[in-house]
Amino acid sequence: YQERPDPAGDYRWPYKISVNEHTLAQGEYVTPGAMSTYIGVASRTAALLPGDVIAWPPLDLPDLSATALGRSLVVGDRIAFEVEGMGVLDLIVR
């Protein structure tokens, strides 16, 4: 995977957030700088671990009760965070 800016110099990351295979949010995350810059800044104050999601400004997340899920997360729910071209972070609520 290689990140490249668009003609305006922004970086675009199409993403999708699903719970139990129901898409609850999707969009395009736009950053004015390269992700490597954000990783460098974040790693100055905390150790970054596999599976960490770095997003600044923060992603807009829906009110789960207003989505197809209709409720808060519960034990056993499966969350998938996908960034097109990069991969999927798949988590189970415990």
Protein backbone atom coordinates (compact mmCIF):
# COMPACT_ATOMS: atom_id res chain seq x y z
CA TYR A 1 0.00 0.00 0.00
CA GLN A 2 1.30 3.44 -0.90
CA GLU A 3 -0.34 6.63 0.22
CA ARG A 4 -0.62 9.46 -2.29
CA PRO A 5 -2.21 12.88 -1.99
CA ASP A 6 -4.98 14.04 -4.29
CA PRO A 7 -4.41 17.12 -6.49
CA ALA A 8 -5.33 19.41 -3.57
CA GLY A 9 -2.64 17.77 -1.42
CA ASP A 10 -5.11 15.93 0.83
CA TYR A 11 -4.98 12.22 1.59
CA ARG A 12 -8.25 10.30 1.27
CA TRP A 13 -9.05 7.06 3.08
CA PRO A 14 -12.41 5.42 2.23
CA TYR A 15 -13.61 3.59 5.36
CA LYS A 16 -16.52 1.48 6.58
CA ILE A 17 -17.54 0.55 10.13
CA SER A 18 -19.76 -2.52 10.58
CA VAL A 19 -21.25 -4.31 13.55
CA ASN A 20 -22.41 -7.91 13.08
CA GLU A 21 -22.04 -7.43 9.30
CA HIS A 22 -24.39 -4.40 9.25
CA THR A 23 -22.71 -1.27 7.89
CA LEU A 24 -23.29 1.52 10.41
CA ALA A 25 -20.99 4.20 9.04
CA GLN A 26 -18.97 4.77 5.93
CA GLY A 27 -17.32 7.66 4.28
CA GLU A 28 -14.06 9.14 3.26
CA TYR A 29 -11.61 10.26 5.90
CA VAL A 30 -9.58 13.21 4.62
CA THR A 31 -6.29 14.29 6.16
CA PRO A 32 -4.20 17.29 5.12
CA GLY A 33 -0.97 15.37 5.78
CA ALA A 34 0.55 11.97 5.18
CA MET A 35 -0.45 9.21 7.60
CA SER A 36 3.22 8.64 8.35
CA THR A 37 3.28 12.13 9.91
CA TYR A 38 0.34 11.28 12.19
CA ILE A 39 1.93 7.98 13.21
CA GLY A 40 5.16 9.80 14.07
CA VAL A 41 3.37 12.39 16.20
CA ALA A 42 1.20 9.78 17.97
CA SER A 43 4.19 7.58 18.77
CA ARG A 44 5.94 10.43 20.59
CA THR A 45 3.44 10.31 23.46
CA ALA A 46 2.35 6.65 23.56
CA ALA A 47 3.43 3.27 22.32
CA LEU A 48 1.50 2.23 19.24
CA LEU A 49 0.32 -1.36 19.19
CA PRO A 50 -0.97 -3.59 16.38
CA GLY A 51 -4.65 -2.79 15.85
CA ASP A 52 -4.45 0.83 17.02
CA VAL A 53 -6.56 3.15 14.86
CA ILE A 54 -5.13 6.62 14.41
CA ALA A 55 -7.56 9.24 13.13
CA TRP A 56 -7.31 13.00 13.48
CA PRO A 57 -9.62 14.72 13.45
CA PRO A 58 -11.67 11.91 15.02
CA LEU A 59 -14.06 9.95 12.82
CA ASP A 60 -17.72 10.88 12.96
CA LEU A 61 -19.39 7.94 14.68
CA PRO A 62 -23.15 7.44 14.59
CA ASP A 63 -25.46 7.19 17.59
CA LEU A 64 -25.83 3.40 17.59
CA SER A 65 -29.45 3.56 18.72
CA ALA A 66 -30.24 5.53 15.54
CA THR A 67 -28.67 2.90 13.22
CA ALA A 68 -29.85 -0.48 11.95
CA LEU A 69 -28.27 -1.98 15.11
CA GLY A 70 -30.72 0.02 17.26
CA ARG A 71 -28.77 -0.41 20.50
CA SER A 72 -25.42 -0.05 22.21
CA LEU A 73 -22.72 -2.67 21.77
CA VAL A 74 -23.03 -5.85 23.82
CA VAL A 75 -20.74 -8.77 24.59
CA GLY A 76 -20.31 -10.90 21.48
CA ASP A 77 -20.85 -8.11 18.94
CA ARG A 78 -18.36 -8.22 16.09
CA ILE A 79 -16.98 -4.85 14.95
CA ALA A 80 -15.18 -4.46 11.62
CA PHE A 81 -13.26 -1.29 10.76
CA GLU A 82 -12.19 -1.35 7.12
CA VAL A 83 -9.97 1.10 5.28
CA GLU A 84 -10.12 0.49 1.55
CA GLY A 85 -6.80 -0.65 0.19
CA MET A 86 -5.30 -1.25 3.64
CA GLY A 87 -7.32 -3.95 5.35
CA VAL A 88 -9.85 -4.73 8.06
CA LEU A 89 -9.53 -4.55 11.83
CA ASP A 90 -11.95 -7.17 13.19
CA LEU A 91 -12.88 -7.10 16.88
CA ILE A 92 -15.27 -8.98 19.17
CA VAL A 93 -16.71 -7.20 22.22
CA ARG A 94 -15.84 -9.12 25.41
